Structure formats: C-alpha cells, structure tokens
Protein backbone atom coordinates (compact mmCIF):
# COMPACT_ATOMS: atom_id res chain seq x y z
CA UNK A 1 78.40 70.88 79.67
CA UNK A 2 78.85 70.04 83.22
CA UNK A 3 79.17 66.16 83.97
CA UNK A 4 79.64 64.65 87.63
CA UNK A 5 81.78 62.21 87.98
CA UNK A 6 79.66 59.31 89.14
CA UNK A 7 81.34 55.65 89.44
CA UNK A 8 78.64 53.44 88.43
CA UNK A 9 80.54 50.24 88.80
CA UNK A 10 81.36 50.89 92.23
CA UNK A 11 77.88 51.84 92.85
CA UNK A 12 76.45 48.70 91.38
CA UNK A 13 78.67 46.74 93.66
CA UNK A 14 77.48 48.40 96.71
CA UNK A 15 73.67 47.69 95.70
CA UNK A 16 74.82 44.35 94.77
CA UNK A 17 76.65 43.73 97.89
CA UNK A 18 73.47 44.78 99.65
CA UNK A 19 70.68 42.55 98.14
CA UNK A 20 70.20 44.05 94.67
CA UNK A 21 70.49 41.66 91.52
CA UNK A 22 73.13 42.58 89.13
CA UNK A 23 70.63 43.93 86.61
CA UNK A 24 68.92 45.88 89.01
CA UNK A 25 72.31 47.66 90.43
CA UNK A 26 73.20 48.30 86.75
CA UNK A 27 70.03 49.81 86.15
CA UNK A 28 69.79 51.88 89.06
CA UNK A 29 73.25 52.96 88.51
CA UNK A 30 73.19 54.19 84.87
CA UNK A 31 69.72 55.95 85.97
CA UNK A 32 71.48 58.05 89.05
CA UNK A 33 74.30 58.77 86.20
CA UNK A 34 71.68 60.06 84.15
CA UNK A 35 70.16 62.33 86.63
CA UNK A 36 72.96 63.44 88.23
CA UNK A 37 74.16 64.61 85.00
CA UNK A 38 71.15 66.21 84.13
CA UNK A 39 71.22 68.01 87.48
CA UNK A 40 74.31 69.40 86.86
CA UNK A 41 73.66 70.64 83.34
CA UNK A 42 70.26 72.44 84.84
CA UNK A 43 71.48 73.43 88.10
CA UNK A 44 75.06 74.25 87.93
CA UNK A 45 76.54 77.21 86.96
CA UNK A 46 79.72 76.87 84.72
CA UNK A 47 82.61 79.45 84.41
CA UNK A 48 81.00 81.20 81.40
CA UNK A 49 77.94 81.52 83.62
CA UNK A 50 79.89 83.26 86.28
CA UNK A 51 81.67 85.60 84.10
CA UNK A 52 78.26 86.56 82.82
CA UNK A 53 77.07 87.28 85.90
CA UNK A 54 80.59 89.18 87.20
CA UNK A 55 80.16 91.26 83.92
CA UNK A 56 76.72 92.28 84.72
CA UNK A 57 77.36 93.07 88.21
CA UNK A 58 79.91 94.96 87.00
CA UNK A 59 77.82 97.26 84.64
CA UNK A 60 75.29 97.53 87.24
CA UNK A 61 78.12 99.08 89.87
CA UNK A 62 79.26 101.40 87.29
CA UNK A 63 75.74 102.70 86.95
CA UNK A 64 75.24 103.01 90.81
CA UNK A 65 78.73 104.90 91.04
CA UNK A 66 77.40 107.45 88.23
CA UNK A 67 74.11 107.84 90.59
CA UNK A 68 75.91 108.34 93.40
CA UNK A 69 78.45 110.72 91.88
CA UNK A 70 75.62 112.54 90.64
CA UNK A 71 73.85 112.65 94.10
CA UNK A 72 77.12 113.69 96.18
CA UNK A 73 77.70 116.49 93.71
CA UNK A 74 73.81 117.64 94.27
CA UNK A 75 74.30 117.38 97.90
CA UNK A 76 77.48 119.43 97.66
CA UNK A 77 75.96 122.08 95.89
CA UNK A 78 73.16 122.03 98.55
CA UNK A 79 75.35 122.27 101.12
CA UNK A 80 77.35 125.34 99.83
CA UNK A 81 73.68 127.21 99.77
CA UNK A 82 73.43 126.11 103.28
CA UNK A 83 76.88 127.21 104.35
CA UNK A 84 75.87 130.77 102.61
CA UNK A 85 73.09 131.02 104.39
CA UNK A 86 74.23 130.22 107.60
CA UNK A 87 77.07 132.57 107.20
CA UNK A 88 74.53 135.34 105.92
CA UNK A 89 72.36 134.53 109.11
CA UNK A 90 75.10 134.81 111.62
CA UNK A 91 76.51 138.01 109.82
CA UNK A 92 73.01 140.00 110.16
CA UNK A 93 72.84 138.52 114.17
CA UNK A 94 76.40 139.67 114.73
CA UNK A 95 75.64 142.90 113.18
CA UNK A 96 72.52 143.45 115.32
CA UNK A 97 74.31 142.50 118.58
CA UNK A 98 76.97 145.07 117.93
CA UNK A 99 74.65 147.82 116.53
CA UNK A 100 72.98 147.23 119.94
CA UNK A 101 76.21 147.07 121.95
CA UNK A 102 77.40 150.25 120.71
CA UNK A 103 74.08 152.11 120.89
CA UNK A 104 74.15 151.15 124.60
C-alpha cells in the first residue's frame, strides 16, 4: 500500500489563514489526503511492481539474446558460403588468366 505523507493540520491552518472557516479547512484537508492516497495507491509503482517489471525485462532480454545468437549463427554459415564462392570465383578467374598468359 502506498501512502503519501500529507500534513493535514498545516494545510488546514494555511486555508484558515486565507479565509476558509475551520470546518471548511478541515474538510478540504481530509479530502485532499484521501485523494492523494488514492492517487498513490492507483498510480505509483511499488518496489514489488518495479521488481516484477525488472524480471519481465530480463526474460525478454534472454529471448532476444537467444534470437540474436541464432541469427548470428545463421549469418556465419551464410558468410562461410560466400567466402567459398568468392574463393572459387577468384581461383577460376586466376586459372583462366594463367592459361591465357601461358598460351601466349
């Protein structure tokens, strides 16, 4: 449960100093305390909420890491094929050039 520390007495005294009756000031102070605490309960994150989000993010990161490792592995295999095709192409071009040079 979240609670905002709200000094209702100080708030009521400030209202009274600015023309509110004691009853009006006390009622407004109490109502503001209720509103602030409802806001805190419904809108502010607790340590537990943050821990839960942290754990969810960790799980998401592990999934992304596994996917990236799979992608990197696939790209390594594709790059190996490209290297061999490039080597074979250069070898064939080199052999053709050598044959042409030796035939002259």
